[in-house]
Amino acid sequence: MADPSIRDFEAAIAELDGIVKKLEEGDLSLEQSLALYERGVQLSRFCHAKLEDAERRIEILTDRGELKPAPASLQPDDTDR
C-alpha cells in the first residue's frame, strides 16, 4: 500500500534531499534524527519502486513493440540489494 503522504517521485526526492541536509547538520535530538531517518527510508523505498516501474516500462516500450531488456546502465546493481 502506497504512503498517501508521498505525492510523486519528484516530491519524494525533494523531501529526501531536505532530510539528508537536516541529518548532516547534526543539530537534532536522537528521537528527531530517528524519525527523519525512518521517513527517509520510506521515501527511498518509494523512489526505488518508482524507478523499477519505469525500468519495466522502458523494457516494454520499444520501437516495434518487441520486448527488449533495458540498457545495462539501467540494470539493477547487485550491491544495492
Protein backbone atom coordinates (compact mmCIF):
# COMPACT_ATOMS: atom_id res chain seq x y z
CA MET A 1 0.00 0.00 0.00
CA ALA A 2 1.44 3.34 -1.04
CA ASP A 3 2.02 6.04 1.55
CA PRO A 4 -0.59 8.73 0.81
CA SER A 5 1.72 11.43 2.18
CA ILE A 6 4.13 10.87 -0.74
CA ARG A 7 2.71 12.71 -3.77
CA ASP A 8 5.12 11.74 -6.52
CA PHE A 9 8.72 10.88 -7.34
CA GLU A 10 9.90 14.47 -7.61
CA ALA A 11 8.33 15.46 -4.29
CA ALA A 12 9.84 12.38 -2.63
CA ILE A 13 13.31 13.25 -3.94
CA ALA A 14 12.98 16.85 -2.76
CA GLU A 15 11.85 15.76 0.71
CA LEU A 16 14.61 13.17 0.90
CA ASP A 17 17.17 15.83 -0.02
CA GLY A 18 15.87 18.04 2.79
CA ILE A 19 16.07 15.18 5.27
CA VAL A 20 19.68 14.43 4.32
CA LYS A 21 20.64 18.08 4.81
CA LYS A 22 18.98 18.21 8.25
CA LEU A 23 20.65 14.98 9.34
CA GLU A 24 24.05 16.19 8.10
CA GLU A 25 23.73 19.37 10.19
CA GLY A 26 23.62 17.23 13.32
CA ASP A 27 21.58 19.71 15.38
CA LEU A 28 18.72 17.28 16.07
CA SER A 29 17.90 15.16 19.06
CA LEU A 30 18.25 11.40 18.78
CA GLU A 31 14.46 10.97 18.51
CA GLN A 32 14.20 13.62 15.79
CA SER A 33 17.07 12.04 13.90
CA LEU A 34 15.49 8.59 14.11
CA ALA A 35 12.13 9.91 12.93
CA LEU A 36 13.75 11.66 9.98
CA TYR A 37 15.81 8.57 9.16
CA GLU A 38 12.65 6.43 9.20
CA ARG A 39 10.90 8.88 6.87
CA GLY A 40 13.97 8.85 4.62
CA VAL A 41 13.79 5.06 4.37
CA GLN A 42 10.11 5.29 3.38
CA LEU A 43 10.90 7.87 0.73
CA SER A 44 13.87 5.88 -0.55
CA ARG A 45 11.74 2.73 -0.92
CA PHE A 46 9.05 4.71 -2.73
CA CYS A 47 11.61 6.17 -5.15
CA HIS A 48 13.23 2.78 -5.72
CA ALA A 49 9.84 1.24 -6.56
CA LYS A 50 9.06 4.08 -8.98
CA LEU A 51 12.43 3.66 -10.70
CA GLU A 52 11.91 -0.11 -11.02
CA ASP A 53 8.47 0.54 -12.54
CA ALA A 54 9.99 2.99 -15.02
CA GLU A 55 12.64 0.42 -15.93
CA ARG A 56 9.95 -2.18 -16.65
CA ARG A 57 8.11 0.31 -18.84
CA ILE A 58 11.32 1.07 -20.76
CA GLU A 59 11.82 -2.63 -21.36
CA ILE A 60 8.32 -2.92 -22.82
CA LEU A 61 8.26 0.26 -24.91
CA THR A 62 10.50 -0.38 -27.89
CA ASP A 63 10.49 0.74 -31.49
CA ARG A 64 8.41 -2.17 -32.78
CA GLY A 65 6.77 -3.26 -29.57
CA GLU A 66 9.21 -6.11 -29.12
CA LEU A 67 10.33 -6.82 -25.57
CA LYS A 68 13.98 -5.88 -25.19
CA PRO A 69 15.94 -5.50 -21.96
CA ALA A 70 16.80 -2.05 -20.72
CA PRO A 71 20.33 -0.78 -21.38
CA ALA A 72 22.99 -2.05 -18.97
CA SER A 73 23.18 1.39 -17.36
CA LEU A 74 19.62 0.92 -16.13
CA GLN A 75 20.07 -2.63 -14.84
CA PRO A 76 19.94 -3.02 -11.05
CA ASP A 77 23.30 -3.15 -9.35
CA ASP A 78 23.74 -6.21 -7.13
CA THR A 79 25.39 -4.05 -4.46
CA ASP A 80 22.09 -2.14 -3.99
CA ARG A 81 20.27 -5.18 -2.69
